PDB file of all heavy atoms in Angstrom:
ATOM      1  N   LEU A   1       0.803  -1.218   0.008  1.00  0.00           N
ATOM      2  CA  LEU A   1      -0.001   0.063   0.034  1.00  0.00           C
ATOM      3  C   LEU A   1       0.851   1.247   0.018  1.00  0.00           C
ATOM      4  O   LEU A   1       0.624   2.253  -0.702  1.00  0.00           O
ATOM      5  CB  LEU A   1      -0.918  -0.022   1.206  1.00  0.00           C
ATOM      6  CG  LEU A   1      -1.905   1.110   1.371  1.00  0.00           C
ATOM      7  CD1 LEU A   1      -2.859   1.172   0.179  1.00  0.00           C
ATOM      8  CD2 LEU A   1      -2.701   1.036   2.650  1.00  0.00           C
ATOM      9  N   LYS A   2       1.970   1.159   0.737  1.00  0.00           N
ATOM     10  CA  LYS A   2       2.885   2.377   0.828  1.00  0.00           C
ATOM     11  C   LYS A   2       3.525   2.578  -0.554  1.00  0.00           C
ATOM     12  O   LYS A   2       3.607   3.726  -1.032  1.00  0.00           O
ATOM     13  CB  LYS A   2       3.949   2.097   1.886  1.00  0.00           C
ATOM     14  CG  LYS A   2       4.862   3.262   2.133  1.00  0.00           C
ATOM     15  CD  LYS A   2       5.871   2.936   3.250  1.00  0.00           C
ATOM     16  CE  LYS A   2       6.796   4.166   3.482  1.00  0.00           C
ATOM     17  NZ  LYS A   2       7.775   3.852   4.628  1.00  0.00           N
ATOM     18  N   ALA A   3       3.913   1.417  -1.199  1.00  0.00           N
ATOM     19  CA  ALA A   3       4.545   1.580  -2.551  1.00  0.00           C
ATOM     20  C   ALA A   3       3.476   2.104  -3.573  1.00  0.00           C
ATOM     21  O   ALA A   3       3.842   2.922  -4.356  1.00  0.00           O
ATOM     22  CB  ALA A   3       5.098   0.247  -3.025  1.00  0.00           C
ATOM     23  N   LYS A   4       2.317   1.624  -3.446  1.00  0.00           N
ATOM     24  CA  LYS A   4       1.230   2.087  -4.339  1.00  0.00           C
ATOM     25  C   LYS A   4       1.047   3.595  -4.126  1.00  0.00           C
ATOM     26  O   LYS A   4       0.815   4.355  -5.154  1.00  0.00           O
ATOM     27  CB  LYS A   4      -0.058   1.265  -4.075  1.00  0.00           C
ATOM     28  CG  LYS A   4      -1.210   1.641  -4.990  1.00  0.00           C
ATOM     29  CD  LYS A   4      -2.425   0.749  -4.688  1.00  0.00           C
ATOM     30  CE  LYS A   4      -3.578   1.140  -5.677  1.00  0.00           C
ATOM     31  NZ  LYS A   4      -4.798   0.278  -5.316  1.00  0.00           N
ATOM     32  N   ASN A   5       1.038   3.972  -2.898  1.00  0.00           N
ATOM     33  CA  ASN A   5       0.809   5.405  -2.613  1.00  0.00           C
ATOM     34  C   ASN A   5       1.944   6.253  -3.160  1.00  0.00           C
ATOM     35  O   ASN A   5       1.737   7.357  -3.684  1.00  0.00           O
ATOM     36  CB  ASN A   5       0.662   5.611  -1.098  1.00  0.00           C
ATOM     37  CG  ASN A   5      -0.595   5.063  -0.532  1.00  0.00           C
ATOM     38  OD1 ASN A   5      -1.529   4.906  -1.264  1.00  0.00           O
ATOM     39  ND2 ASN A   5      -0.571   4.781   0.762  1.00  0.00           N
ATOM     40  N   LYS A   6       3.176   5.717  -3.106  1.00  0.00           N
ATOM     41  CA  LYS A   6       4.330   6.426  -3.712  1.00  0.00           C
ATOM     42  C   LYS A   6       4.174   6.569  -5.202  1.00  0.00           C
ATOM     43  O   LYS A   6       4.466   7.636  -5.783  1.00  0.00           O
ATOM     44  CB  LYS A   6       5.627   5.699  -3.317  1.00  0.00           C
ATOM     45  CG  LYS A   6       6.068   5.907  -1.923  1.00  0.00           C
ATOM     46  CD  LYS A   6       7.421   5.265  -1.623  1.00  0.00           C
ATOM     47  CE  LYS A   6       7.910   5.521  -0.216  1.00  0.00           C
ATOM     48  NZ  LYS A   6       9.179   4.941   0.053  1.00  0.00           N
ATOM     49  N   VAL A   7       3.786   5.451  -5.817  1.00  0.00           N
ATOM     50  CA  VAL A   7       3.562   5.477  -7.299  1.00  0.00           C
ATOM     51  C   VAL A   7       2.546   6.534  -7.684  1.00  0.00           C
ATOM     52  O   VAL A   7       2.647   7.349  -8.584  1.00  0.00           O
ATOM     53  CB  VAL A   7       3.207   4.153  -7.848  1.00  0.00           C
ATOM     54  CG1 VAL A   7       2.767   4.162  -9.350  1.00  0.00           C
ATOM     55  CG2 VAL A   7       4.349   3.129  -7.706  1.00  0.00           C
ATOM     56  N   ALA A   8       1.409   6.486  -6.912  1.00  0.00           N
ATOM     57  CA  ALA A   8       0.349   7.472  -7.150  1.00  0.00           C
ATOM     58  C   ALA A   8       0.808   8.899  -6.966  1.00  0.00           C
ATOM     59  O   ALA A   8       0.445   9.775  -7.707  1.00  0.00           O
ATOM     60  CB  ALA A   8      -0.843   7.133  -6.221  1.00  0.00           C
ATOM     61  N   GLU A   9       1.618   9.011  -5.912  1.00  0.00           N
ATOM     62  CA  GLU A   9       2.139  10.404  -5.613  1.00  0.00           C
ATOM     63  C   GLU A   9       3.090  10.833  -6.774  1.00  0.00           C
ATOM     64  O   GLU A   9       2.995  11.954  -7.240  1.00  0.00           O
ATOM     65  CB  GLU A   9       2.937  10.360  -4.289  1.00  0.00           C
ATOM     66  CG  GLU A   9       3.561  11.739  -3.881  1.00  0.00           C
ATOM     67  CD  GLU A   9       4.254  11.658  -2.560  1.00  0.00           C
ATOM     68  OE1 GLU A   9       4.353  10.536  -2.022  1.00  0.00           O
ATOM     69  OE2 GLU A   9       4.703  12.742  -2.161  1.00  0.00           O
ATOM     70  N   ALA A  10       4.014   9.897  -7.296  1.00  0.00           N
ATOM     71  CA  ALA A  10       4.829  10.261  -8.348  1.00  0.00           C
ATOM     72  C   ALA A  10       4.090  10.596  -9.644  1.00  0.00           C
ATOM     73  O   ALA A  10       4.415  11.544 -10.359  1.00  0.00           O
ATOM     74  CB  ALA A  10       5.791   9.074  -8.651  1.00  0.00           C
ATOM     75  N   GLN A  11       3.011   9.778  -9.921  1.00  0.00           N
ATOM     76  CA  GLN A  11       2.193  10.004 -11.070  1.00  0.00           C
ATOM     77  C   GLN A  11       1.475  11.423 -10.939  1.00  0.00           C
ATOM     78  O   GLN A  11       1.415  12.138 -11.867  1.00  0.00           O
ATOM     79  CB  GLN A  11       1.182   8.964 -11.260  1.00  0.00           C
ATOM     80  CG  GLN A  11       1.754   7.631 -11.646  1.00  0.00           C
ATOM     81  CD  GLN A  11       0.784   6.523 -11.718  1.00  0.00           C
ATOM     82  OE1 GLN A  11      -0.359   6.653 -11.231  1.00  0.00           O
ATOM     83  NE2 GLN A  11       1.147   5.403 -12.322  1.00  0.00           N
ATOM     84  N   ALA A  12       1.037  11.728  -9.708  1.00  0.00           N
ATOM     85  CA  ALA A  12       0.372  12.929  -9.477  1.00  0.00           C
ATOM     86  C   ALA A  12       1.338  14.138  -9.725  1.00  0.00           C
ATOM     87  O   ALA A  12       1.019  15.147 -10.342  1.00  0.00           O
ATOM     88  CB  ALA A  12      -0.227  13.045  -8.103  1.00  0.00           C
ATOM     89  N   ASN A  13       2.544  13.940  -9.195  1.00  0.00           N
ATOM     90  CA  ASN A  13       3.652  14.991  -9.404  1.00  0.00           C
ATOM     91  C   ASN A  13       3.964  15.191 -10.835  1.00  0.00           C
ATOM     92  O   ASN A  13       4.110  16.278 -11.327  1.00  0.00           O
ATOM     93  CB  ASN A  13       4.849  14.682  -8.569  1.00  0.00           C
ATOM     94  CG  ASN A  13       4.622  14.756  -7.115  1.00  0.00           C
ATOM     95  OD1 ASN A  13       3.750  15.476  -6.668  1.00  0.00           O
ATOM     96  ND2 ASN A  13       5.414  13.965  -6.332  1.00  0.00           N
ATOM     97  N   ALA A  14       4.044  14.048 -11.627  1.00  0.00           N
ATOM     98  CA  ALA A  14       4.340  14.136 -13.037  1.00  0.00           C
ATOM     99  C   ALA A  14       3.190  14.856 -13.781  1.00  0.00           C
ATOM    100  O   ALA A  14       3.467  15.689 -14.710  1.00  0.00           O
ATOM    101  CB  ALA A  14       4.619  12.783 -13.632  1.00  0.00           C
ATOM    102  N   THR A  15       1.991  14.479 -13.402  1.00  0.00           N
ATOM    103  CA  THR A  15       0.809  15.143 -14.069  1.00  0.00           C
ATOM    104  C   THR A  15       0.863  16.633 -13.798  1.00  0.00           C
ATOM    105  O   THR A  15       0.548  17.456 -14.656  1.00  0.00           O
ATOM    106  CB  THR A  15      -0.469  14.508 -13.482  1.00  0.00           C
ATOM    107  OG1 THR A  15      -0.450  13.097 -13.806  1.00  0.00           O
ATOM    108  CG2 THR A  15      -1.692  15.134 -14.118  1.00  0.00           C
ATOM    109  N   ILE A  16       1.200  17.022 -12.542  1.00  0.00           N
ATOM    110  CA  ILE A  16       1.328  18.412 -12.151  1.00  0.00           C
ATOM    111  C   ILE A  16       2.348  19.131 -13.061  1.00  0.00           C
ATOM    112  O   ILE A  16       2.152  20.250 -13.601  1.00  0.00           O
ATOM    113  CB  ILE A  16       1.550  18.592 -10.736  1.00  0.00           C
ATOM    114  CG1 ILE A  16       0.369  18.112  -9.882  1.00  0.00           C
ATOM    115  CG2 ILE A  16       1.827  20.026 -10.411  1.00  0.00           C
ATOM    116  CD1 ILE A  16       0.634  18.048  -8.422  1.00  0.00           C
ATOM    117  N   LYS A  17       3.549  18.485 -13.181  1.00  0.00           N
ATOM    118  CA  LYS A  17       4.624  19.115 -13.893  1.00  0.00           C
ATOM    119  C   LYS A  17       4.197  19.283 -15.438  1.00  0.00           C
ATOM    120  O   LYS A  17       4.547  20.246 -16.039  1.00  0.00           O
ATOM    121  CB  LYS A  17       5.902  18.297 -13.776  1.00  0.00           C
ATOM    122  CG  LYS A  17       6.493  18.324 -12.400  1.00  0.00           C
ATOM    123  CD  LYS A  17       7.812  17.545 -12.309  1.00  0.00           C
ATOM    124  CE  LYS A  17       8.338  17.633 -10.966  1.00  0.00           C
ATOM    125  NZ  LYS A  17       9.596  16.816 -10.805  1.00  0.00           N
ATOM    126  N   ILE A  18       3.591  18.138 -16.002  1.00  0.00           N
ATOM    127  CA  ILE A  18       3.179  18.223 -17.372  1.00  0.00           C
ATOM    128  C   ILE A  18       2.162  19.377 -17.533  1.00  0.00           C
ATOM    129  O   ILE A  18       2.184  20.161 -18.514  1.00  0.00           O
ATOM    130  CB  ILE A  18       2.602  16.864 -17.811  1.00  0.00           C
ATOM    131  CG1 ILE A  18       3.652  15.847 -17.850  1.00  0.00           C
ATOM    132  CG2 ILE A  18       1.882  17.012 -19.161  1.00  0.00           C
ATOM    133  CD1 ILE A  18       3.103  14.473 -18.086  1.00  0.00           C
ATOM    134  N   ALA A  19       1.236  19.459 -16.544  1.00  0.00           N
ATOM    135  CA  ALA A  19       0.254  20.516 -16.711  1.00  0.00           C
ATOM    136  C   ALA A  19       0.890  21.869 -16.645  1.00  0.00           C
ATOM    137  O   ALA A  19       0.478  22.793 -17.351  1.00  0.00           O
ATOM    138  CB  ALA A  19      -0.833  20.309 -15.623  1.00  0.00           C
ATOM    139  N   GLU A  20       1.883  22.002 -15.688  1.00  0.00           N
ATOM    140  CA  GLU A  20       2.580  23.277 -15.611  1.00  0.00           C
ATOM    141  C   GLU A  20       3.361  23.594 -16.912  1.00  0.00           C
ATOM    142  O   GLU A  20       3.279  24.782 -17.338  1.00  0.00           O
ATOM    143  CB  GLU A  20       3.567  23.256 -14.391  1.00  0.00           C
ATOM    144  CG  GLU A  20       2.838  23.146 -13.022  1.00  0.00           C
ATOM    145  CD  GLU A  20       3.831  23.118 -11.935  1.00  0.00           C
ATOM    146  OE1 GLU A  20       5.000  22.747 -12.186  1.00  0.00           O
ATOM    147  OE2 GLU A  20       3.362  23.224 -10.768  1.00  0.00           O
ATOM    148  N   ALA A  21       4.040  22.611 -17.420  1.00  0.00           N
ATOM    149  CA  ALA A  21       4.778  22.795 -18.696  1.00  0.00           C
ATOM    150  C   ALA A  21       3.796  23.148 -19.797  1.00  0.00           C
ATOM    151  O   ALA A  21       4.146  24.116 -20.663  1.00  0.00           O
ATOM    152  CB  ALA A  21       5.562  21.596 -19.024  1.00  0.00           C
ATOM    153  N   LYS A  22       2.741  22.499 -19.909  1.00  0.00           N
ATOM    154  CA  LYS A  22       1.764  22.749 -20.973  1.00  0.00           C
ATOM    155  C   LYS A  22       1.193  24.140 -20.768  1.00  0.00           C
ATOM    156  O   LYS A  22       0.969  24.841 -21.760  1.00  0.00           O
ATOM    157  CB  LYS A  22       0.650  21.727 -20.871  1.00  0.00           C
ATOM    158  CG  LYS A  22      -0.332  21.847 -21.938  1.00  0.00           C
ATOM    159  CD  LYS A  22      -1.388  20.732 -21.904  1.00  0.00           C
ATOM    160  CE  LYS A  22      -2.444  20.870 -22.998  1.00  0.00           C
ATOM    161  NZ  LYS A  22      -3.487  19.816 -22.936  1.00  0.00           N
ATOM    162  N   GLY A  23       0.939  24.523 -19.506  1.00  0.00           N
ATOM    163  CA  GLY A  23       0.444  25.799 -19.311  1.00  0.00           C
ATOM    164  C   GLY A  23       1.485  26.878 -19.637  1.00  0.00           C
ATOM    165  O   GLY A  23       1.077  27.935 -20.240  1.00  0.00           O
ATOM    166  N   GLU A  24       2.737  26.659 -19.387  1.00  0.00           N
ATOM    167  CA  GLU A  24       3.782  27.576 -19.712  1.00  0.00           C
ATOM    168  C   GLU A  24       3.907  27.766 -21.286  1.00  0.00           C
ATOM    169  O   GLU A  24       3.990  28.866 -21.786  1.00  0.00           O
ATOM    170  CB  GLU A  24       5.116  27.233 -19.111  1.00  0.00           C
ATOM    171  CG  GLU A  24       5.170  27.371 -17.651  1.00  0.00           C
ATOM    172  CD  GLU A  24       6.437  26.880 -17.012  1.00  0.00           C
ATOM    173  OE1 GLU A  24       7.292  26.431 -17.862  1.00  0.00           O
ATOM    174  OE2 GLU A  24       6.622  26.953 -15.800  1.00  0.00           O
ATOM    175  N   ALA A  25       3.843  26.570 -21.926  1.00  0.00           N
ATOM    176  CA  ALA A  25       3.944  26.517 -23.402  1.00  0.00           C
ATOM    177  C   ALA A  25       2.756  27.352 -24.111  1.00  0.00           C
ATOM    178  O   ALA A  25       2.926  28.151 -24.920  1.00  0.00           O
ATOM    179  CB  ALA A  25       3.964  25.200 -23.986  1.00  0.00           C
ATOM    180  N   GLU A  26       1.567  27.025 -23.532  1.00  0.00           N
ATOM    181  CA  GLU A  26       0.413  27.743 -24.049  1.00  0.00           C
ATOM    182  C   GLU A  26       0.474  29.229 -23.740  1.00  0.00           C
ATOM    183  O   GLU A  26       0.119  30.089 -24.585  1.00  0.00           O
ATOM    184  CB  GLU A  26      -0.824  27.156 -23.404  1.00  0.00           C
ATOM    185  CG  GLU A  26      -1.161  25.742 -23.902  1.00  0.00           C
ATOM    186  CD  GLU A  26      -2.417  25.174 -23.189  1.00  0.00           C
ATOM    187  OE1 GLU A  26      -2.865  25.854 -22.365  1.00  0.00           O
ATOM    188  OE2 GLU A  26      -2.842  24.075 -23.624  1.00  0.00           O
ATOM    189  N   ALA A  27       1.042  29.576 -22.554  1.00  0.00           N
ATOM    190  CA  ALA A  27       1.196  30.979 -22.306  1.00  0.00           C
ATOM    191  C   ALA A  27       2.211  31.642 -23.248  1.00  0.00           C
ATOM    192  O   ALA A  27       1.978  32.821 -23.671  1.00  0.00           O
ATOM    193  CB  ALA A  27       1.661  31.168 -20.843  1.00  0.00           C
TER     194      ALA A  27
END
């Protein structure tokens, strides 16, 4: 469960970074 939570956290962080990069590119 702890490993699954870490994977979910990493995926969430990656999604946030992609969203931020996409937002910067669009800007």
